[in-house]
Amino acid sequence: MRGLMLRDALVLLRRVSLARIAVLLVGGILFMLFMRIAAATLLSVILPLVAGGLMSMLAAEDDKTNWLKFVRASPARVWEVVVARYLVCGIILLATCVYTTLLNVACFLLFREQPLAVYLGVSAVGALVAYGNSLLVVPSCFSGGAAGANLASMAFLFAAGAFAWVVRNVDLTGVLAFLASVPVYAYVAVGVVAALLATVLSVCISMRICRKKTIY
């Protein structure tokens, strides 16, 4: 599995390059210094989504090199191929979220425009949105390649936009009152269970698609 992860990492490094990553990180810091909390909020949502979108680069390379056909002739098992891709995606997403969280903390320490909880909450929301997007993108990569990954991302963003429209234009006073009465631990429990179920479902779908494509 480590070999599969290393291959994915090398493909991404060749496509993106360390110099571009460094420019992006420094640019994010300068953007935050100039735009303050607006920049920190925007980067907390955009950068994790972009990190998840790197999976489309891997999918394009898979299509170009017939990677799945090569894997079929190797001793690697289907679950190793799938889990390796999820681990690479998770590591990239984690690194990106750590960066945006540090950026938000730095913004709080420098400008203190909002309480620290607001900055951390924005980072958490960005991480959750990107995590959900990744659970859709990875199976789409196995199914439809780069085009499937891009389509899944667009569908997810459309759903997020529709949700934002509902929140903005529909009277949700009763719903919000009910949600406020629910204990915090209930949200945590439901969130953890939902995340685990969604992850297992996404992995199972990816394994099924990969198994059909590679005839394991």
C-alpha atoms as a PDB file:
ATOM      1  CA  MET A   1       0.000   0.000   0.000  1.00  0.00           C
ATOM      2  CA  ARG A   2       2.873   2.353   0.718  1.00  0.00           C
ATOM      3  CA  GLY A   3       4.041   1.938  -2.860  1.00  0.00           C
ATOM      4  CA  LEU A   4       0.607   2.918  -4.162  1.00  0.00           C
ATOM      5  CA  MET A   5       0.531   5.985  -1.912  1.00  0.00           C
ATOM      6  CA  LEU A   6       4.056   6.942  -2.972  1.00  0.00           C
ATOM      7  CA  ARG A   7       3.072   6.721  -6.640  1.00  0.00           C
ATOM      8  CA  ASP A   8       0.086   9.031  -6.057  1.00  0.00           C
ATOM      9  CA  ALA A   9       2.239  11.491  -4.103  1.00  0.00           C
ATOM     10  CA  LEU A  10       4.897  11.580  -6.845  1.00  0.00           C
ATOM     11  CA  VAL A  11       2.262  12.171  -9.524  1.00  0.00           C
ATOM     12  CA  LEU A  12       0.863  15.120  -7.581  1.00  0.00           C
ATOM     13  CA  LEU A  13       4.310  16.576  -6.916  1.00  0.00           C
ATOM     14  CA  ARG A  14       5.134  16.355 -10.610  1.00  0.00           C
ATOM     15  CA  ARG A  15       1.837  18.003 -11.554  1.00  0.00           C
ATOM     16  CA  VAL A  16       1.861  20.721  -8.892  1.00  0.00           C
ATOM     17  CA  SER A  17       5.534  21.120  -7.841  1.00  0.00           C
ATOM     18  CA  LEU A  18       6.862  22.279  -4.485  1.00  0.00           C
ATOM     19  CA  ALA A  19       7.500  25.796  -5.840  1.00  0.00           C
ATOM     20  CA  ARG A  20       3.816  26.303  -6.635  1.00  0.00           C
ATOM     21  CA  ILE A  21       2.836  24.990  -3.223  1.00  0.00           C
ATOM     22  CA  ALA A  22       5.228  27.431  -1.548  1.00  0.00           C
ATOM     23  CA  VAL A  23       3.843  30.323  -3.603  1.00  0.00           C
ATOM     24  CA  LEU A  24       0.297  29.332  -2.638  1.00  0.00           C
ATOM     25  CA  LEU A  25       1.150  29.157   1.068  1.00  0.00           C
ATOM     26  CA  VAL A  26       2.957  32.506   1.091  1.00  0.00           C
ATOM     27  CA  GLY A  27       0.222  34.070  -1.028  1.00  0.00           C
ATOM     28  CA  GLY A  28      -2.382  32.881   1.467  1.00  0.00           C
ATOM     29  CA  ILE A  29      -0.508  34.576   4.307  1.00  0.00           C
ATOM     30  CA  LEU A  30      -0.175  37.843   2.396  1.00  0.00           C
ATOM     31  CA  PHE A  31      -3.844  37.706   1.392  1.00  0.00           C
ATOM     32  CA  MET A  32      -4.798  37.240   5.052  1.00  0.00           C
ATOM     33  CA  LEU A  33      -2.641  40.193   6.126  1.00  0.00           C
ATOM     34  CA  PHE A  34      -4.314  42.392   3.517  1.00  0.00           C
ATOM     35  CA  MET A  35      -7.956  41.247   3.777  1.00  0.00           C
ATOM     36  CA  ARG A  36      -7.938  39.993   7.390  1.00  0.00           C
ATOM     37  CA  ILE A  37     -10.927  37.874   8.430  1.00  0.00           C
ATOM     38  CA  ALA A  38     -12.489  37.971   4.948  1.00  0.00           C
ATOM     39  CA  ALA A  39      -9.411  36.289   3.505  1.00  0.00           C
ATOM     40  CA  ALA A  40      -9.149  33.777   6.362  1.00  0.00           C
ATOM     41  CA  THR A  41     -12.785  32.792   5.884  1.00  0.00           C
ATOM     42  CA  LEU A  42     -12.498  32.468   2.115  1.00  0.00           C
ATOM     43  CA  LEU A  43      -9.295  30.426   2.271  1.00  0.00           C
ATOM     44  CA  SER A  44     -10.764  28.130   4.939  1.00  0.00           C
ATOM     45  CA  VAL A  45     -13.413  27.013   2.460  1.00  0.00           C
ATOM     46  CA  ILE A  46     -11.599  27.262  -0.879  1.00  0.00           C
ATOM     47  CA  LEU A  47      -8.239  25.653  -0.073  1.00  0.00           C
ATOM     48  CA  PRO A  48      -9.614  22.374   1.362  1.00  0.00           C
ATOM     49  CA  LEU A  49     -11.884  22.046  -1.681  1.00  0.00           C
ATOM     50  CA  VAL A  50      -8.926  22.660  -3.991  1.00  0.00           C
ATOM     51  CA  ALA A  51      -6.944  20.027  -2.096  1.00  0.00           C
ATOM     52  CA  GLY A  52      -9.731  17.514  -2.628  1.00  0.00           C
ATOM     53  CA  GLY A  53      -9.844  18.543  -6.268  1.00  0.00           C
ATOM     54  CA  LEU A  54      -6.287  17.273  -6.687  1.00  0.00           C
ATOM     55  CA  MET A  55      -7.843  13.830  -6.941  1.00  0.00           C
ATOM     56  CA  SER A  56      -8.981  14.783 -10.446  1.00  0.00           C
ATOM     57  CA  MET A  57      -5.293  15.154 -11.367  1.00  0.00           C
ATOM     58  CA  LEU A  58      -4.667  11.613 -10.184  1.00  0.00           C
ATOM     59  CA  ALA A  59      -7.688  10.414 -12.118  1.00  0.00           C
ATOM     60  CA  ALA A  60      -6.399  12.090 -15.288  1.00  0.00           C
ATOM     61  CA  GLU A  61      -3.029  10.391 -14.800  1.00  0.00           C
ATOM     62  CA  ASP A  62      -4.777   7.057 -14.221  1.00  0.00           C
ATOM     63  CA  ASP A  63      -6.610   7.450 -17.523  1.00  0.00           C
ATOM     64  CA  LYS A  64      -3.481   8.552 -19.363  1.00  0.00           C
ATOM     65  CA  THR A  65      -1.285   5.689 -18.152  1.00  0.00           C
ATOM     66  CA  ASN A  66      -3.973   2.979 -17.834  1.00  0.00           C
ATOM     67  CA  TRP A  67      -3.013   2.718 -14.189  1.00  0.00           C
ATOM     68  CA  LEU A  68      -5.848   0.400 -13.205  1.00  0.00           C
ATOM     69  CA  LYS A  69      -4.879  -2.061 -15.931  1.00  0.00           C
ATOM     70  CA  PHE A  70      -1.328  -2.046 -14.622  1.00  0.00           C
ATOM     71  CA  VAL A  71      -2.550  -2.605 -11.073  1.00  0.00           C
ATOM     72  CA  ARG A  72      -4.591  -5.565 -12.286  1.00  0.00           C
ATOM     73  CA  ALA A  73      -1.362  -7.324 -13.251  1.00  0.00           C
ATOM     74  CA  SER A  74       0.297  -6.527  -9.920  1.00  0.00           C
ATOM     75  CA  PRO A  75      -0.062  -8.371  -6.580  1.00  0.00           C
ATOM     76  CA  ALA A  76      -1.935  -5.388  -5.093  1.00  0.00           C
ATOM     77  CA  ARG A  77      -5.449  -6.132  -3.857  1.00  0.00           C
ATOM     78  CA  VAL A  78      -8.433  -4.009  -4.714  1.00  0.00           C
ATOM     79  CA  TRP A  79      -8.881  -2.758  -1.144  1.00  0.00           C
ATOM     80  CA  GLU A  80      -5.242  -1.632  -1.048  1.00  0.00           C
ATOM     81  CA  VAL A  81      -5.688   0.392  -4.247  1.00  0.00           C
ATOM     82  CA  VAL A  82      -8.826   2.068  -2.920  1.00  0.00           C
ATOM     83  CA  VAL A  83      -7.639   2.693   0.650  1.00  0.00           C
ATOM     84  CA  ALA A  84      -4.327   4.101  -0.607  1.00  0.00           C
ATOM     85  CA  ARG A  85      -6.203   6.692  -2.670  1.00  0.00           C
ATOM     86  CA  TYR A  86      -8.388   7.648   0.306  1.00  0.00           C
ATOM     87  CA  LEU A  87      -5.348   7.943   2.575  1.00  0.00           C
ATOM     88  CA  VAL A  88      -3.556  10.229   0.113  1.00  0.00           C
ATOM     89  CA  CYS A  89      -6.670  12.376  -0.174  1.00  0.00           C
ATOM     90  CA  GLY A  90      -7.047  12.435   3.622  1.00  0.00           C
ATOM     91  CA  ILE A  91      -3.421  13.431   4.228  1.00  0.00           C
ATOM     92  CA  ILE A  92      -3.678  16.298   1.719  1.00  0.00           C
ATOM     93  CA  LEU A  93      -6.953  17.427   3.245  1.00  0.00           C
ATOM     94  CA  LEU A  94      -5.546  17.257   6.782  1.00  0.00           C
ATOM     95  CA  ALA A  95      -2.456  19.270   5.858  1.00  0.00           C
ATOM     96  CA  THR A  96      -4.592  21.901   4.151  1.00  0.00           C
ATOM     97  CA  CYS A  97      -6.956  22.188   7.134  1.00  0.00           C
ATOM     98  CA  VAL A  98      -4.024  22.527   9.530  1.00  0.00           C
ATOM     99  CA  TYR A  99      -2.708  25.384   7.387  1.00  0.00           C
ATOM    100  CA  THR A 100      -6.069  27.188   7.261  1.00  0.00           C
ATOM    101  CA  THR A 101      -6.544  26.717  11.014  1.00  0.00           C
ATOM    102  CA  LEU A 102      -3.132  28.223  11.734  1.00  0.00           C
ATOM    103  CA  LEU A 103      -4.009  31.032   9.351  1.00  0.00           C
ATOM    104  CA  ASN A 104      -7.210  31.731  11.266  1.00  0.00           C
ATOM    105  CA  VAL A 105      -5.422  31.650  14.614  1.00  0.00           C
ATOM    106  CA  ALA A 106      -2.801  34.070  13.289  1.00  0.00           C
ATOM    107  CA  CYS A 107      -5.578  36.338  12.000  1.00  0.00           C
ATOM    108  CA  PHE A 108      -7.196  36.296  15.442  1.00  0.00           C
ATOM    109  CA  LEU A 109      -3.923  37.093  17.223  1.00  0.00           C
ATOM    110  CA  LEU A 110      -3.112  39.940  14.827  1.00  0.00           C
ATOM    111  CA  PHE A 111      -6.488  41.628  14.385  1.00  0.00           C
ATOM    112  CA  ARG A 112      -9.023  40.157  16.867  1.00  0.00           C
ATOM    113  CA  GLU A 113     -12.010  41.154  14.702  1.00  0.00           C
ATOM    114  CA  GLN A 114     -14.073  38.230  16.055  1.00  0.00           C
ATOM    115  CA  PRO A 115     -13.831  35.796  18.981  1.00  0.00           C
ATOM    116  CA  LEU A 116     -11.431  32.877  18.504  1.00  0.00           C
ATOM    117  CA  ALA A 117     -14.395  30.481  18.355  1.00  0.00           C
ATOM    118  CA  VAL A 118     -15.589  32.150  15.141  1.00  0.00           C
ATOM    119  CA  TYR A 119     -12.226  31.651  13.442  1.00  0.00           C
ATOM    120  CA  LEU A 120     -12.015  28.018  14.544  1.00  0.00           C
ATOM    121  CA  GLY A 121     -15.637  27.451  13.550  1.00  0.00           C
ATOM    122  CA  VAL A 122     -14.941  28.704  10.044  1.00  0.00           C
ATOM    123  CA  SER A 123     -12.014  26.292   9.759  1.00  0.00           C
ATOM    124  CA  ALA A 124     -14.192  23.430  10.982  1.00  0.00           C
ATOM    125  CA  VAL A 125     -16.931  24.209   8.470  1.00  0.00           C
ATOM    126  CA  GLY A 126     -14.387  24.345   5.649  1.00  0.00           C
ATOM    127  CA  ALA A 127     -12.964  20.981   6.726  1.00  0.00           C
ATOM    128  CA  LEU A 128     -16.399  19.351   6.881  1.00  0.00           C
ATOM    129  CA  VAL A 129     -17.410  20.680   3.477  1.00  0.00           C
ATOM    130  CA  ALA A 130     -14.147  19.490   1.919  1.00  0.00           C
ATOM    131  CA  TYR A 131     -14.455  16.084   3.615  1.00  0.00           C
ATOM    132  CA  GLY A 132     -17.937  15.597   2.213  1.00  0.00           C
ATOM    133  CA  ASN A 133     -16.730  16.673  -1.213  1.00  0.00           C
ATOM    134  CA  SER A 134     -13.862  14.169  -1.049  1.00  0.00           C
ATOM    135  CA  LEU A 135     -16.220  11.309  -0.245  1.00  0.00           C
ATOM    136  CA  LEU A 136     -17.988  12.069  -3.529  1.00  0.00           C
ATOM    137  CA  VAL A 137     -14.932  12.850  -5.619  1.00  0.00           C
ATOM    138  CA  VAL A 138     -12.891   9.695  -4.952  1.00  0.00           C
ATOM    139  CA  PRO A 139     -15.583   7.214  -6.113  1.00  0.00           C
ATOM    140  CA  SER A 140     -16.225   9.497  -9.083  1.00  0.00           C
ATOM    141  CA  CYS A 141     -12.515   9.313  -9.965  1.00  0.00           C
ATOM    142  CA  PHE A 142     -12.673   5.521 -10.095  1.00  0.00           C
ATOM    143  CA  SER A 143     -15.927   5.608 -12.060  1.00  0.00           C
ATOM    144  CA  GLY A 144     -15.527   8.406 -14.593  1.00  0.00           C
ATOM    145  CA  GLY A 145     -11.928   9.577 -14.289  1.00  0.00           C
ATOM    146  CA  ALA A 146     -11.172  13.293 -14.202  1.00  0.00           C
ATOM    147  CA  ALA A 147     -14.501  14.152 -15.834  1.00  0.00           C
ATOM    148  CA  GLY A 148     -16.375  12.207 -13.167  1.00  0.00           C
ATOM    149  CA  ALA A 149     -14.443  13.946 -10.382  1.00  0.00           C
ATOM    150  CA  ASN A 150     -15.169  17.392 -11.826  1.00  0.00           C
ATOM    151  CA  LEU A 151     -18.853  16.539 -12.243  1.00  0.00           C
ATOM    152  CA  ALA A 152     -19.077  15.350  -8.625  1.00  0.00           C
ATOM    153  CA  SER A 153     -17.443  18.550  -7.378  1.00  0.00           C
ATOM    154  CA  MET A 154     -19.838  20.713  -9.376  1.00  0.00           C
ATOM    155  CA  ALA A 155     -22.831  18.752  -8.081  1.00  0.00           C
ATOM    156  CA  PHE A 156     -21.597  19.144  -4.503  1.00  0.00           C
ATOM    157  CA  LEU A 157     -21.063  22.900  -4.912  1.00  0.00           C
ATOM    158  CA  PHE A 158     -24.514  23.231  -6.476  1.00  0.00           C
ATOM    159  CA  ALA A 159     -26.046  21.425  -3.491  1.00  0.00           C
ATOM    160  CA  ALA A 160     -24.125  23.693  -1.089  1.00  0.00           C
ATOM    161  CA  GLY A 161     -25.359  26.750  -2.985  1.00  0.00           C
ATOM    162  CA  ALA A 162     -28.949  25.500  -2.862  1.00  0.00           C
ATOM    163  CA  PHE A 163     -28.635  24.983   0.889  1.00  0.00           C
ATOM    164  CA  ALA A 164     -27.278  28.513   1.308  1.00  0.00           C
ATOM    165  CA  TRP A 165     -30.221  29.863  -0.716  1.00  0.00           C
ATOM    166  CA  VAL A 166     -32.703  28.031   1.518  1.00  0.00           C
ATOM    167  CA  VAL A 167     -31.043  29.399   4.657  1.00  0.00           C
ATOM    168  CA  ARG A 168     -31.108  32.917   3.222  1.00  0.00           C
ATOM    169  CA  ASN A 169     -34.646  32.986   1.807  1.00  0.00           C
ATOM    170  CA  VAL A 170     -36.741  30.594   3.907  1.00  0.00           C
ATOM    171  CA  ASP A 171     -37.998  31.340   7.409  1.00  0.00           C
ATOM    172  CA  LEU A 172     -36.282  28.744   9.563  1.00  0.00           C
ATOM    173  CA  THR A 173     -37.107  30.227  12.947  1.00  0.00           C
ATOM    174  CA  GLY A 174     -38.904  27.127  14.196  1.00  0.00           C
ATOM    175  CA  VAL A 175     -36.186  24.825  12.943  1.00  0.00           C
ATOM    176  CA  LEU A 176     -33.459  26.925  14.535  1.00  0.00           C
ATOM    177  CA  ALA A 177     -35.349  27.001  17.845  1.00  0.00           C
ATOM    178  CA  PHE A 178     -35.559  23.213  17.818  1.00  0.00           C
ATOM    179  CA  LEU A 179     -31.884  22.837  16.917  1.00  0.00           C
ATOM    180  CA  ALA A 180     -30.914  25.193  19.729  1.00  0.00           C
ATOM    181  CA  SER A 181     -32.684  22.935  22.216  1.00  0.00           C
ATOM    182  CA  VAL A 182     -30.711  19.851  21.175  1.00  0.00           C
ATOM    183  CA  PRO A 183     -27.729  19.081  23.459  1.00  0.00           C
ATOM    184  CA  VAL A 184     -24.262  19.534  22.003  1.00  0.00           C
ATOM    185  CA  TYR A 185     -23.295  15.921  22.662  1.00  0.00           C
ATOM    186  CA  ALA A 186     -26.178  14.800  20.439  1.00  0.00           C
ATOM    187  CA  TYR A 187     -24.732  16.784  17.538  1.00  0.00           C
ATOM    188  CA  VAL A 188     -21.304  15.293  18.166  1.00  0.00           C
ATOM    189  CA  ALA A 189     -22.657  11.746  18.327  1.00  0.00           C
ATOM    190  CA  VAL A 190     -24.795  12.124  15.209  1.00  0.00           C
ATOM    191  CA  GLY A 191     -21.951  13.823  13.345  1.00  0.00           C
ATOM    192  CA  VAL A 192     -19.448  11.091  14.177  1.00  0.00           C
ATOM    193  CA  VAL A 193     -21.864   8.305  13.234  1.00  0.00           C
ATOM    194  CA  ALA A 194     -22.854  10.057  10.003  1.00  0.00           C
ATOM    195  CA  ALA A 195     -19.210  10.650   9.052  1.00  0.00           C
ATOM    196  CA  LEU A 196     -18.314   7.000   9.693  1.00  0.00           C
ATOM    197  CA  LEU A 197     -21.287   5.707   7.714  1.00  0.00           C
ATOM    198  CA  ALA A 198     -20.597   8.083   4.824  1.00  0.00           C
ATOM    199  CA  THR A 199     -16.931   7.070   4.774  1.00  0.00           C
ATOM    200  CA  VAL A 200     -17.710   3.347   4.791  1.00  0.00           C
ATOM    201  CA  LEU A 201     -20.307   3.807   2.046  1.00  0.00           C
ATOM    202  CA  SER A 202     -17.912   5.848  -0.101  1.00  0.00           C
ATOM    203  CA  VAL A 203     -15.115   3.267   0.297  1.00  0.00           C
ATOM    204  CA  CYS A 204     -17.464   0.381  -0.510  1.00  0.00           C
ATOM    205  CA  ILE A 205     -18.694   2.128  -3.661  1.00  0.00           C
ATOM    206  CA  SER A 206     -15.110   2.801  -4.740  1.00  0.00           C
ATOM    207  CA  MET A 207     -14.141  -0.825  -4.132  1.00  0.00           C
ATOM    208  CA  ARG A 208     -17.088  -2.066  -6.146  1.00  0.00           C
ATOM    209  CA  ILE A 209     -16.252   0.241  -9.063  1.00  0.00           C
ATOM    210  CA  CYS A 210     -12.547  -0.600  -8.924  1.00  0.00           C
ATOM    211  CA  ARG A 211     -13.273  -4.324  -8.751  1.00  0.00           C
ATOM    212  CA  LYS A 212     -15.419  -4.137 -11.880  1.00  0.00           C
ATOM    213  CA  LYS A 213     -12.822  -2.110 -13.756  1.00  0.00           C
ATOM    214  CA  THR A 214      -9.872  -4.301 -12.805  1.00  0.00           C
ATOM    215  CA  ILE A 215     -11.767  -7.621 -12.765  1.00  0.00           C
ATOM    216  CA  TYR A 216     -10.458  -8.691  -9.377  1.00  0.00           C
END
